[in-house]
Amino acid sequence: MGRERPEPEAEMSTRSEGKQEQEGKGCVRVLVVEDEFAVSLALKALAEAAGCEVVGIAHEADSAVELARSLRPDVVLMDIGLPEIDGVEATRQIMAEAPTRVILVTAYADERVGRALKAGARLALRKPIREEQLARAIAEVVSESGSRAGALRSEGE
C-alpha cells in the first residue's frame, strides 16, 4: 500500500528496425514483468537492444496475466519477487491461460526458482543481466521445440 504502482503498459509499436528484422526473421514480442520501475525500464532496453519488440510492461502479477492474455507475447521476462502474488504463481496462471515461453529474472537462487520452473518457466537468469546473456536466453527459448532448459544462469554465463 505504501508504494504507488504504475499502470500496466501495452506498448504500441516501439520497434525500430531491429537486428532480427534486418536478418529477415520475425521480431520476438516480449512482455516484461518487473515490480521495480527502473529495473523494468532496464529490461525493456536490454530486450530492445537484443532486437526484440517489447509489447508491454507489467508491475504486478494480475496485470502480467491480463497482458499475456491480451497481447500473446512470444516471451515473458518474469521477476520472481513480485508483491502480493509472486512470479511463481503469475507463471502458473500465464501458462494456464495464455501459454508462452517464460524466462525468470531474479536476484535470488532459492526454492522459488525450482517451483517456477515446475510451473512452466523455461529458464532463469540471475540479475544483473547483460544484453548478450538475455539475447542468448531469448534465442534459446524461442528455438526450443517443447524441451525445457530449466537452468539458473548467473551473470557470467
Protein backbone atom coordinates (compact mmCIF):
# COMPACT_ATOMS: atom_id res chain seq x y z
CA MET A 1 0.00 0.00 0.00
CA GLY A 2 2.91 2.37 0.63
CA ARG A 3 4.23 2.36 -2.93
CA GLU A 4 2.21 3.55 -5.85
CA ARG A 5 2.18 1.12 -8.73
CA PRO A 6 2.26 2.39 -12.29
CA GLU A 7 -0.48 1.02 -14.53
CA PRO A 8 0.49 -1.81 -16.89
CA GLU A 9 1.69 -0.59 -20.23
CA ALA A 10 0.77 -2.08 -23.56
CA GLU A 11 3.35 -0.65 -25.89
CA MET A 12 2.27 0.40 -29.30
CA SER A 13 4.92 -0.45 -31.88
CA THR A 14 8.14 0.78 -30.31
CA ARG A 15 10.35 -1.32 -32.53
CA SER A 16 12.76 0.37 -34.81
CA GLU A 17 14.30 -1.77 -37.49
CA GLY A 18 15.88 -4.23 -35.05
CA LYS A 19 18.67 -6.71 -35.55
CA GLN A 20 16.29 -9.60 -36.19
CA GLU A 21 14.25 -7.60 -38.70
CA GLN A 22 17.40 -6.87 -40.66
CA GLU A 23 18.18 -10.59 -40.77
CA GLY A 24 14.77 -11.27 -42.28
CA LYS A 25 13.41 -13.01 -39.18
CA GLY A 26 10.21 -12.13 -37.38
CA CYS A 27 10.66 -9.96 -34.34
CA VAL A 28 10.28 -11.65 -30.94
CA ARG A 29 7.48 -9.99 -28.95
CA VAL A 30 8.36 -9.63 -25.25
CA LEU A 31 6.31 -8.82 -22.15
CA VAL A 32 8.36 -7.50 -19.21
CA VAL A 33 7.04 -8.26 -15.70
CA GLU A 34 9.03 -6.45 -13.01
CA ASP A 35 7.79 -4.55 -9.94
CA GLU A 36 10.76 -2.16 -9.74
CA PHE A 37 10.15 0.62 -12.27
CA ALA A 38 13.84 1.31 -13.02
CA VAL A 39 14.59 -2.40 -13.47
CA SER A 40 11.59 -2.80 -15.80
CA LEU A 41 12.95 0.01 -17.97
CA ALA A 42 16.41 -1.59 -17.96
CA LEU A 43 14.95 -4.97 -19.02
CA LYS A 44 12.96 -3.21 -21.75
CA ALA A 45 16.12 -1.53 -23.03
CA LEU A 46 18.06 -4.82 -22.96
CA ALA A 47 15.33 -6.67 -24.84
CA GLU A 48 15.09 -3.95 -27.47
CA ALA A 49 18.88 -3.84 -27.84
CA ALA A 50 18.70 -7.60 -28.47
CA GLY A 51 16.32 -6.94 -31.38
CA CYS A 52 13.04 -7.72 -29.62
CA GLU A 53 9.82 -5.74 -29.56
CA VAL A 54 8.64 -5.03 -26.02
CA VAL A 55 4.86 -5.15 -26.34
CA GLY A 56 4.06 -4.44 -22.69
CA ILE A 57 5.28 -3.92 -19.16
CA ALA A 58 3.50 -5.12 -16.02
CA HIS A 59 4.49 -4.27 -12.46
CA GLU A 60 2.43 -6.92 -10.69
CA ALA A 61 1.05 -10.41 -11.31
CA ASP A 62 -2.58 -9.63 -12.14
CA SER A 63 -1.55 -7.15 -14.84
CA ALA A 64 1.00 -9.64 -16.16
CA VAL A 65 -1.63 -12.32 -16.65
CA GLU A 66 -4.03 -9.83 -18.23
CA LEU A 67 -1.40 -8.53 -20.66
CA ALA A 68 -0.19 -12.05 -21.51
CA ARG A 69 -3.76 -13.00 -22.33
CA SER A 70 -4.45 -9.92 -24.48
CA LEU A 71 -1.05 -9.39 -26.13
CA ARG A 72 0.05 -13.03 -26.62
CA PRO A 73 3.81 -12.31 -26.36
CA ASP A 74 6.38 -14.80 -27.63
CA VAL A 75 8.38 -14.47 -24.40
CA VAL A 76 7.64 -13.18 -20.89
CA LEU A 77 10.52 -11.88 -18.77
CA MET A 78 9.19 -12.60 -15.26
CA ASP A 79 10.56 -11.23 -12.00
CA ILE A 80 10.10 -13.85 -9.31
CA GLY A 81 9.84 -11.39 -6.40
CA LEU A 82 6.59 -9.63 -7.25
CA PRO A 83 4.46 -8.15 -4.45
CA GLU A 84 1.31 -9.95 -3.26
CA ILE A 85 1.23 -12.68 -5.94
CA ASP A 86 4.79 -13.78 -6.74
CA GLY A 87 6.31 -14.65 -10.08
CA VAL A 88 5.81 -18.38 -9.46
CA GLU A 89 2.02 -18.04 -9.26
CA ALA A 90 1.99 -15.49 -12.11
CA THR A 91 3.90 -18.00 -14.26
CA ARG A 92 1.43 -20.75 -13.33
CA GLN A 93 -1.53 -18.53 -14.27
CA ILE A 94 0.03 -17.40 -17.56
CA MET A 95 0.80 -20.99 -18.54
CA ALA A 96 -2.81 -21.98 -17.76
CA GLU A 97 -4.46 -19.04 -19.54
CA ALA A 98 -2.05 -17.88 -22.26
CA PRO A 99 0.80 -20.40 -22.60
CA THR A 100 4.07 -18.91 -23.80
CA ARG A 101 7.79 -19.03 -23.04
CA VAL A 102 8.65 -17.60 -19.60
CA ILE A 103 12.16 -16.60 -18.61
CA LEU A 104 12.59 -15.83 -14.91
CA VAL A 105 14.70 -12.85 -13.98
CA THR A 106 15.67 -12.95 -10.33
CA ALA A 107 18.20 -11.80 -7.79
CA TYR A 108 17.55 -14.98 -5.80
CA ALA A 109 18.62 -18.60 -6.09
CA ASP A 110 16.07 -20.14 -3.76
CA GLU A 111 13.29 -22.73 -3.90
CA ARG A 112 11.03 -20.35 -5.83
CA VAL A 113 13.19 -20.84 -8.92
CA GLY A 114 12.54 -24.59 -8.89
CA ARG A 115 8.82 -24.02 -8.26
CA ALA A 116 8.61 -21.54 -11.16
CA LEU A 117 10.38 -23.97 -13.49
CA LYS A 118 7.85 -26.64 -12.48
CA ALA A 119 5.06 -24.11 -13.14
CA GLY A 120 6.25 -23.75 -16.73
CA ALA A 121 9.12 -21.27 -16.87
CA ARG A 122 11.77 -22.34 -19.40
CA LEU A 123 14.86 -21.00 -17.62
CA ALA A 124 16.03 -18.49 -15.03
CA LEU A 125 18.55 -15.68 -15.28
CA ARG A 126 20.14 -14.14 -12.20
CA LYS A 127 20.29 -10.36 -12.01
CA PRO A 128 22.18 -8.34 -13.04
CA ILE A 129 21.57 -9.40 -16.62
CA ARG A 130 23.70 -8.35 -19.58
CA GLU A 131 22.40 -7.80 -23.12
CA GLU A 132 24.28 -10.77 -24.60
CA GLN A 133 23.02 -13.06 -21.84
CA LEU A 134 19.40 -12.01 -22.39
CA ALA A 135 19.72 -12.27 -26.17
CA ARG A 136 21.07 -15.85 -25.86
CA ALA A 137 18.33 -16.85 -23.41
CA ILE A 138 15.56 -15.47 -25.63
CA ALA A 139 17.02 -17.14 -28.72
CA GLU A 140 17.28 -20.42 -26.82
CA VAL A 141 13.68 -20.50 -25.59
CA VAL A 142 12.30 -19.35 -28.94
CA SER A 143 14.20 -22.09 -30.78
CA GLU A 144 13.24 -24.85 -28.31
CA SER A 145 10.87 -27.45 -29.64
CA GLY A 146 8.99 -28.25 -26.48
CA SER A 147 12.04 -29.13 -24.38
CA ARG A 148 12.73 -27.35 -21.11
CA ALA A 149 16.12 -25.81 -20.35
CA GLY A 150 15.45 -25.33 -16.64
CA ALA A 151 18.75 -23.81 -15.54
CA LEU A 152 19.61 -20.85 -13.34
CA ARG A 153 22.21 -18.78 -15.11
CA SER A 154 24.35 -16.16 -13.45
CA GLU A 155 25.81 -13.01 -14.95
CA GLY A 156 28.98 -14.67 -16.26
CA GLU A 157 27.18 -17.30 -18.34
